[in-house]
């Protein structure tokens, strides 16, 4: 299975801009630029590669954890995952901090912690991000 995304860019790095489009159409000509990557911390003027990596990481992690919880006989009522991807200009992407809050009937805190760490290690996006520091803050609510 392969998934595709297309990037179009016009102009210089500082003044130029581009669009991103995904195979699914979820992103269709979504704007991105130097400003959306390094200047506009609100994220209101367009997306950036780090935000998209964060979305992929959070989504992948939640799916992986759900699979392990279901295999354990304790399927989740709700999982809320966030991935904060950090980029340092001139250095690159340095980390992805996963945060998960979970409602899981019938699970012990110890088993949840074990499965949460296992999902962090085995999520395909976590594996792909092996060159950076991936952290996890997991809480039952």
N, C-alpha and C. Protein backbone atom coordinates (compact mmCIF):
# COMPACT_ATOMS: atom_id res chain seq x y z
N UNK A 1 0.84 -1.17 0.00
CA UNK A 1 0.00 0.00 0.00
C UNK A 1 0.89 1.23 0.00
N UNK A 2 0.55 2.18 -0.81
CA UNK A 2 1.26 3.45 -0.85
C UNK A 2 0.24 4.57 -0.80
N UNK A 3 0.62 5.67 -0.18
CA UNK A 3 -0.20 6.88 -0.14
C UNK A 3 0.66 8.01 -0.70
N UNK A 4 0.02 8.94 -1.38
CA UNK A 4 0.79 10.01 -2.00
C UNK A 4 0.32 11.39 -1.55
N UNK A 5 1.24 12.30 -1.64
CA UNK A 5 0.97 13.72 -1.43
C UNK A 5 1.83 14.48 -2.42
N UNK A 6 1.33 15.62 -2.86
CA UNK A 6 2.04 16.43 -3.84
C UNK A 6 2.26 17.82 -3.28
N UNK A 7 3.47 18.33 -3.48
CA UNK A 7 3.81 19.70 -3.08
C UNK A 7 4.16 20.50 -4.32
N UNK A 8 3.61 21.69 -4.41
CA UNK A 8 3.98 22.63 -5.46
C UNK A 8 4.53 23.87 -4.78
N UNK A 9 5.64 24.39 -5.27
CA UNK A 9 6.28 25.57 -4.68
C UNK A 9 6.63 26.54 -5.79
N UNK A 10 6.44 27.85 -5.52
CA UNK A 10 6.82 28.89 -6.47
C UNK A 10 7.53 30.00 -5.71
N UNK A 11 8.65 30.45 -6.24
CA UNK A 11 9.35 31.58 -5.66
C UNK A 11 10.46 31.19 -4.72
N UNK A 12 11.01 32.22 -4.08
CA UNK A 12 12.13 32.03 -3.16
C UNK A 12 11.64 31.46 -1.84
N UNK A 13 12.58 31.02 -1.04
CA UNK A 13 12.21 30.43 0.25
C UNK A 13 11.50 31.43 1.15
N UNK A 14 11.95 32.67 1.16
CA UNK A 14 11.38 33.67 2.07
C UNK A 14 10.08 34.29 1.54
N UNK A 15 10.01 34.55 0.26
CA UNK A 15 8.84 35.22 -0.29
C UNK A 15 7.88 34.28 -1.01
N UNK A 16 8.34 33.11 -1.34
CA UNK A 16 7.53 32.18 -2.11
C UNK A 16 6.50 31.46 -1.27
N UNK A 17 5.82 30.55 -1.91
CA UNK A 17 4.82 29.75 -1.22
C UNK A 17 4.42 28.58 -2.09
N UNK A 18 3.61 27.75 -1.52
CA UNK A 18 3.19 26.58 -2.25
C UNK A 18 1.90 26.01 -1.73
N UNK A 19 1.56 24.87 -2.31
CA UNK A 19 0.35 24.16 -1.89
C UNK A 19 0.67 22.68 -1.72
N UNK A 20 -0.09 22.06 -0.84
CA UNK A 20 0.02 20.63 -0.61
C UNK A 20 -1.33 19.99 -0.91
N UNK A 21 -1.29 18.85 -1.59
CA UNK A 21 -2.50 18.11 -1.90
C UNK A 21 -2.25 16.64 -1.60
N UNK A 22 -3.22 16.00 -0.94
CA UNK A 22 -3.08 14.58 -0.60
C UNK A 22 -3.98 13.74 -1.50
N UNK A 23 -3.60 12.50 -1.64
CA UNK A 23 -4.33 11.54 -2.46
C UNK A 23 -5.79 11.47 -2.05
N UNK A 24 -6.07 11.50 -0.76
CA UNK A 24 -7.45 11.39 -0.28
C UNK A 24 -8.28 12.64 -0.56
N UNK A 25 -7.61 13.74 -0.80
CA UNK A 25 -8.31 15.00 -1.00
C UNK A 25 -8.57 15.76 0.29
N UNK A 26 -8.17 15.18 1.42
CA UNK A 26 -8.35 15.88 2.70
C UNK A 26 -7.62 17.21 2.67
N UNK A 27 -6.43 17.21 2.09
CA UNK A 27 -5.73 18.47 1.81
C UNK A 27 -5.81 18.67 0.30
N UNK A 28 -6.37 19.78 -0.09
CA UNK A 28 -6.46 20.09 -1.51
C UNK A 28 -5.97 21.51 -1.70
N UNK A 29 -4.78 21.64 -2.27
CA UNK A 29 -4.19 22.95 -2.50
C UNK A 29 -4.08 23.76 -1.20
N UNK A 30 -3.68 23.08 -0.13
CA UNK A 30 -3.50 23.72 1.17
C UNK A 30 -2.22 24.56 1.16
N UNK A 31 -2.33 25.83 1.50
CA UNK A 31 -1.19 26.74 1.46
C UNK A 31 -0.14 26.40 2.51
N UNK A 32 1.12 26.59 2.12
CA UNK A 32 2.23 26.54 3.07
C UNK A 32 3.33 27.46 2.56
N UNK A 33 4.15 27.93 3.51
CA UNK A 33 5.20 28.89 3.16
C UNK A 33 6.23 28.94 4.29
N UNK A 34 7.25 29.76 4.10
CA UNK A 34 8.23 29.98 5.17
C UNK A 34 7.52 30.51 6.41
N UNK A 35 6.58 31.43 6.21
CA UNK A 35 5.85 32.02 7.33
C UNK A 35 5.06 30.95 8.09
N UNK A 36 4.39 30.07 7.38
CA UNK A 36 3.60 29.04 8.08
C UNK A 36 4.49 28.03 8.78
N UNK A 37 5.74 27.95 8.37
CA UNK A 37 6.65 26.99 8.99
C UNK A 37 7.39 27.58 10.18
N UNK A 38 7.84 28.83 10.07
CA UNK A 38 8.73 29.37 11.08
C UNK A 38 8.26 30.66 11.76
N UNK A 39 7.27 31.34 11.22
CA UNK A 39 6.91 32.65 11.75
C UNK A 39 5.55 32.64 12.45
N UNK A 40 4.52 32.13 11.77
CA UNK A 40 3.16 32.19 12.31
C UNK A 40 2.89 31.03 13.26
N UNK A 41 3.13 31.24 14.54
CA UNK A 41 2.92 30.20 15.55
C UNK A 41 1.44 29.87 15.76
N UNK A 42 0.53 30.74 15.28
CA UNK A 42 -0.90 30.45 15.46
C UNK A 42 -1.36 29.35 14.54
N UNK A 43 -0.66 29.16 13.42
CA UNK A 43 -1.05 28.13 12.46
C UNK A 43 -2.24 28.52 11.61
N UNK A 44 -2.63 29.77 11.64
CA UNK A 44 -3.84 30.20 10.93
C UNK A 44 -3.60 30.54 9.47
N UNK A 45 -2.36 30.70 9.06
CA UNK A 45 -2.11 31.12 7.68
C UNK A 45 -1.76 29.96 6.75
N UNK A 46 -1.77 28.76 7.24
CA UNK A 46 -1.47 27.59 6.42
C UNK A 46 -0.78 26.52 7.23
N UNK A 47 -0.54 25.40 6.61
CA UNK A 47 0.06 24.27 7.30
C UNK A 47 1.58 24.28 7.13
N UNK A 48 2.24 23.26 7.64
CA UNK A 48 3.67 23.08 7.47
C UNK A 48 4.01 21.60 7.64
N UNK A 49 5.15 21.17 7.18
CA UNK A 49 5.49 19.75 7.27
C UNK A 49 5.47 19.20 8.70
N UNK A 50 5.90 19.99 9.66
CA UNK A 50 5.94 19.50 11.04
C UNK A 50 4.54 19.24 11.59
N UNK A 51 3.60 20.11 11.27
CA UNK A 51 2.21 19.91 11.69
C UNK A 51 1.66 18.62 11.09
N UNK A 52 1.99 18.37 9.84
CA UNK A 52 1.51 17.16 9.17
C UNK A 52 2.15 15.91 9.76
N UNK A 53 3.43 15.99 10.11
CA UNK A 53 4.09 14.87 10.79
C UNK A 53 3.42 14.63 12.14
N UNK A 54 3.10 15.72 12.85
CA UNK A 54 2.41 15.59 14.13
C UNK A 54 1.07 14.90 13.99
N UNK A 55 0.30 15.29 12.98
CA UNK A 55 -1.00 14.65 12.75
C UNK A 55 -0.83 13.17 12.46
N UNK A 56 0.15 12.85 11.62
CA UNK A 56 0.41 11.45 11.29
C UNK A 56 0.83 10.66 12.53
N UNK A 57 1.68 11.26 13.36
CA UNK A 57 2.18 10.56 14.55
C UNK A 57 1.07 10.35 15.56
N UNK A 58 0.29 11.37 15.85
CA UNK A 58 -0.81 11.25 16.82
C UNK A 58 -1.82 10.22 16.34
N UNK A 59 -2.18 10.27 15.06
CA UNK A 59 -3.16 9.34 14.52
C UNK A 59 -2.67 7.91 14.54
N UNK A 60 -1.46 7.70 14.12
CA UNK A 60 -0.87 6.36 14.09
C UNK A 60 -0.78 5.79 15.51
N UNK A 61 -0.32 6.62 16.44
CA UNK A 61 -0.18 6.17 17.82
C UNK A 61 -1.53 5.76 18.40
N UNK A 62 -2.56 6.56 18.18
CA UNK A 62 -3.89 6.24 18.72
C UNK A 62 -4.42 4.92 18.14
N UNK A 63 -4.21 4.71 16.85
CA UNK A 63 -4.65 3.45 16.23
C UNK A 63 -3.88 2.28 16.83
N UNK A 64 -2.55 2.42 16.98
CA UNK A 64 -1.74 1.33 17.51
C UNK A 64 -2.13 1.00 18.95
N UNK A 65 -2.31 2.04 19.77
CA UNK A 65 -2.71 1.81 21.15
C UNK A 65 -4.09 1.16 21.22
N UNK A 66 -5.01 1.59 20.38
CA UNK A 66 -6.34 0.99 20.34
C UNK A 66 -6.25 -0.50 20.02
N UNK A 67 -5.38 -0.86 19.10
CA UNK A 67 -5.22 -2.28 18.74
C UNK A 67 -4.71 -3.08 19.93
N UNK A 68 -3.70 -2.56 20.64
CA UNK A 68 -3.16 -3.28 21.79
C UNK A 68 -4.18 -3.37 22.91
N UNK A 69 -4.93 -2.30 23.14
CA UNK A 69 -5.96 -2.31 24.18
C UNK A 69 -7.06 -3.31 23.83
N UNK A 70 -7.46 -3.34 22.57
CA UNK A 70 -8.50 -4.29 22.14
C UNK A 70 -8.02 -5.73 22.29
N UNK A 71 -6.77 -5.99 21.88
CA UNK A 71 -6.19 -7.33 22.04
C UNK A 71 -6.14 -7.74 23.51
N UNK A 72 -6.02 -6.76 24.40
CA UNK A 72 -5.97 -7.00 25.84
C UNK A 72 -7.36 -7.24 26.43
N UNK A 73 -8.40 -7.06 25.64
CA UNK A 73 -9.77 -7.21 26.14
C UNK A 73 -10.29 -5.96 26.83
N UNK A 74 -9.59 -4.84 26.66
CA UNK A 74 -9.99 -3.57 27.27
C UNK A 74 -10.01 -2.48 26.20
N UNK A 75 -10.96 -2.58 25.25
CA UNK A 75 -10.99 -1.57 24.20
C UNK A 75 -11.25 -0.18 24.78
N UNK A 76 -10.68 0.84 24.17
CA UNK A 76 -10.82 2.19 24.71
C UNK A 76 -12.22 2.76 24.46
N UNK A 77 -12.72 3.49 25.45
CA UNK A 77 -13.93 4.28 25.23
C UNK A 77 -13.56 5.54 24.47
N UNK A 78 -12.36 6.08 24.78
CA UNK A 78 -11.90 7.30 24.12
C UNK A 78 -10.40 7.45 24.29
N UNK A 79 -9.73 7.84 23.21
CA UNK A 79 -8.31 8.17 23.22
C UNK A 79 -8.15 9.55 22.61
N UNK A 80 -7.39 10.42 23.26
CA UNK A 80 -7.08 11.75 22.73
C UNK A 80 -5.56 11.90 22.70
N UNK A 81 -5.02 11.84 21.48
CA UNK A 81 -3.56 11.88 21.31
C UNK A 81 -3.15 13.18 20.64
N UNK A 82 -2.03 13.72 21.10
CA UNK A 82 -1.41 14.90 20.51
C UNK A 82 0.06 14.59 20.30
N UNK A 83 0.60 15.06 19.18
CA UNK A 83 2.04 14.96 18.94
C UNK A 83 2.55 16.36 18.66
N UNK A 84 3.44 16.84 19.51
CA UNK A 84 4.05 18.16 19.32
C UNK A 84 5.43 17.95 18.70
N UNK A 85 5.54 18.30 17.42
CA UNK A 85 6.78 18.10 16.67
C UNK A 85 7.59 19.39 16.72
N UNK A 86 8.83 19.26 17.16
CA UNK A 86 9.71 20.44 17.30
C UNK A 86 10.72 20.49 16.16
N UNK A 87 10.84 21.69 15.59
CA UNK A 87 11.87 21.93 14.59
C UNK A 87 12.72 23.10 15.05
N UNK A 88 14.00 22.95 14.91
CA UNK A 88 14.94 24.03 15.23
C UNK A 88 15.59 24.45 13.91
N UNK A 89 15.33 25.68 13.46
CA UNK A 89 15.93 26.13 12.20
C UNK A 89 17.44 25.93 12.21
N UNK A 90 17.93 25.36 11.13
CA UNK A 90 19.36 25.10 11.01
C UNK A 90 19.76 23.75 11.57
N UNK A 91 18.91 23.16 12.39
CA UNK A 91 19.20 21.85 12.97
C UNK A 91 18.27 20.79 12.39
N UNK A 92 16.98 21.10 12.34
CA UNK A 92 15.99 20.17 11.81
C UNK A 92 14.99 19.76 12.87
N UNK A 93 14.24 18.74 12.56
CA UNK A 93 13.25 18.21 13.49
C UNK A 93 14.00 17.46 14.58
N UNK A 94 13.75 17.84 15.82
CA UNK A 94 14.50 17.26 16.93
C UNK A 94 13.67 16.34 17.82
N UNK A 95 12.36 16.42 17.74
CA UNK A 95 11.56 15.57 18.62
C UNK A 95 10.09 15.59 18.30
N UNK A 96 9.41 14.58 18.82
CA UNK A 96 7.95 14.50 18.78
C UNK A 96 7.50 14.06 20.16
N UNK A 97 6.74 14.93 20.82
CA UNK A 97 6.26 14.64 22.17
C UNK A 97 4.81 14.18 22.09
N UNK A 98 4.60 12.90 22.32
CA UNK A 98 3.25 12.34 22.33
C UNK A 98 2.61 12.56 23.69
N UNK A 99 1.37 12.98 23.68
CA UNK A 99 0.56 13.09 24.90
C UNK A 99 -0.74 12.36 24.62
N UNK A 100 -1.14 11.49 25.55
CA UNK A 100 -2.39 10.76 25.38
C UNK A 100 -3.17 10.78 26.68
N UNK A 101 -4.45 11.08 26.56
CA UNK A 101 -5.38 10.88 27.67
C UNK A 101 -6.36 9.82 27.20
N UNK A 102 -6.69 8.92 28.11
CA UNK A 102 -7.47 7.75 27.70
C UNK A 102 -8.55 7.40 28.73
N UNK A 103 -9.70 7.04 28.21
CA UNK A 103 -10.79 6.47 29.01
C UNK A 103 -10.89 5.01 28.60
N UNK A 104 -10.52 4.14 29.54
CA UNK A 104 -10.48 2.71 29.23
C UNK A 104 -11.09 1.94 30.40
N UNK A 105 -12.33 1.52 30.26
CA UNK A 105 -12.95 0.76 31.34
C UNK A 105 -12.22 -0.56 31.59
N UNK A 106 -12.02 -0.86 32.87
CA UNK A 106 -11.51 -2.17 33.27
C UNK A 106 -10.02 -2.40 33.15
N UNK A 107 -9.24 -1.37 32.92
CA UNK A 107 -7.78 -1.57 32.81
C UNK A 107 -7.09 -1.02 34.05
N UNK A 108 -6.01 -1.67 34.44
CA UNK A 108 -5.21 -1.16 35.55
C UNK A 108 -4.26 -0.09 35.03
N UNK A 109 -3.82 0.77 35.91
CA UNK A 109 -2.86 1.81 35.52
C UNK A 109 -1.56 1.19 35.01
N UNK A 110 -1.14 0.10 35.61
CA UNK A 110 0.10 -0.56 35.22
C UNK A 110 0.00 -1.13 33.81
N UNK A 111 -1.12 -1.81 33.52
CA UNK A 111 -1.30 -2.39 32.18
C UNK A 111 -1.42 -1.29 31.14
N UNK A 112 -2.13 -0.21 31.47
CA UNK A 112 -2.23 0.91 30.54
C UNK A 112 -0.85 1.47 30.22
N UNK A 113 -0.04 1.69 31.25
CA UNK A 113 1.30 2.24 31.04
C UNK A 113 2.13 1.32 30.15
N UNK A 114 2.04 0.02 30.38
CA UNK A 114 2.78 -0.96 29.58
C UNK A 114 2.36 -0.90 28.11
N UNK A 115 1.04 -0.90 27.86
CA UNK A 115 0.55 -0.88 26.49
C UNK A 115 0.80 0.46 25.81
N UNK A 116 0.74 1.54 26.57
CA UNK A 116 1.02 2.87 26.01
C UNK A 116 2.47 2.94 25.53
N UNK A 117 3.40 2.43 26.31
CA UNK A 117 4.82 2.42 25.92
C UNK A 117 5.05 1.49 24.73
N UNK A 118 4.39 0.34 24.74
CA UNK A 118 4.52 -0.60 23.63
C UNK A 118 4.02 0.03 22.33
N UNK A 119 2.89 0.76 22.40
CA UNK A 119 2.36 1.42 21.20
C UNK A 119 3.33 2.49 20.71
N UNK A 120 3.95 3.22 21.63
CA UNK A 120 4.94 4.23 21.24
C UNK A 120 6.08 3.58 20.46
N UNK A 121 6.54 2.44 20.93
CA UNK A 121 7.66 1.76 20.30
C UNK A 121 7.29 1.11 18.97
N UNK A 122 6.05 0.65 18.84
CA UNK A 122 5.68 -0.14 17.67
C UNK A 122 4.83 0.59 16.63
N UNK A 123 4.38 1.79 16.93
CA UNK A 123 3.64 2.58 15.95
C UNK A 123 4.54 2.81 14.74
N UNK A 124 4.07 2.52 13.51
CA UNK A 124 4.92 2.69 12.33
C UNK A 124 5.49 4.10 12.17
N UNK A 125 4.75 5.13 12.56
CA UNK A 125 5.28 6.49 12.43
C UNK A 125 6.37 6.72 13.47
N UNK A 126 6.20 6.21 14.69
CA UNK A 126 7.27 6.31 15.68
C UNK A 126 8.54 5.65 15.15
N UNK A 127 8.38 4.50 14.53
CA UNK A 127 9.55 3.80 13.97
C UNK A 127 10.20 4.65 12.88
N UNK A 128 9.37 5.28 12.03
CA UNK A 128 9.91 6.12 10.96
C UNK A 128 10.64 7.34 11.52
N UNK A 129 10.25 7.77 12.72
CA UNK A 129 10.87 8.93 13.36
C UNK A 129 12.03 8.52 14.27
N UNK A 130 12.60 7.38 14.03
CA UNK A 130 13.66 6.83 14.88
C UNK A 130 14.89 7.70 15.05
N UNK A 131 15.09 8.66 14.16
CA UNK A 131 16.27 9.52 14.26
C UNK A 131 16.08 10.68 15.23
N UNK A 132 14.86 10.83 15.77
CA UNK A 132 14.59 11.94 16.70
C UNK A 132 14.12 11.39 18.04
N UNK A 133 14.07 12.26 19.03
CA UNK A 133 13.61 11.89 20.36
C UNK A 133 12.08 11.87 20.39
N UNK A 134 11.50 10.70 20.67
CA UNK A 134 10.06 10.57 20.82
C UNK A 134 9.77 10.31 22.29
N UNK A 135 8.95 11.18 22.88
CA UNK A 135 8.59 11.03 24.29
C UNK A 135 7.10 10.73 24.40
N UNK A 136 6.69 10.26 25.58
CA UNK A 136 5.29 9.93 25.81
C UNK A 136 4.87 10.34 27.21
N UNK A 137 3.74 11.03 27.27
CA UNK A 137 3.07 11.35 28.52
C UNK A 137 1.67 10.76 28.42
N UNK A 138 1.42 9.66 29.13
CA UNK A 138 0.15 8.93 29.02
C UNK A 138 -0.60 8.96 30.34
N UNK A 139 -1.89 9.31 30.26
CA UNK A 139 -2.72 9.42 31.46
C UNK A 139 -4.08 8.78 31.24
N UNK A 140 -4.52 8.03 32.24
CA UNK A 140 -5.91 7.55 32.29
C UNK A 140 -6.77 8.65 32.91
N UNK A 141 -7.94 8.87 32.35
CA UNK A 141 -8.86 9.87 32.92
C UNK A 141 -10.20 9.24 33.19
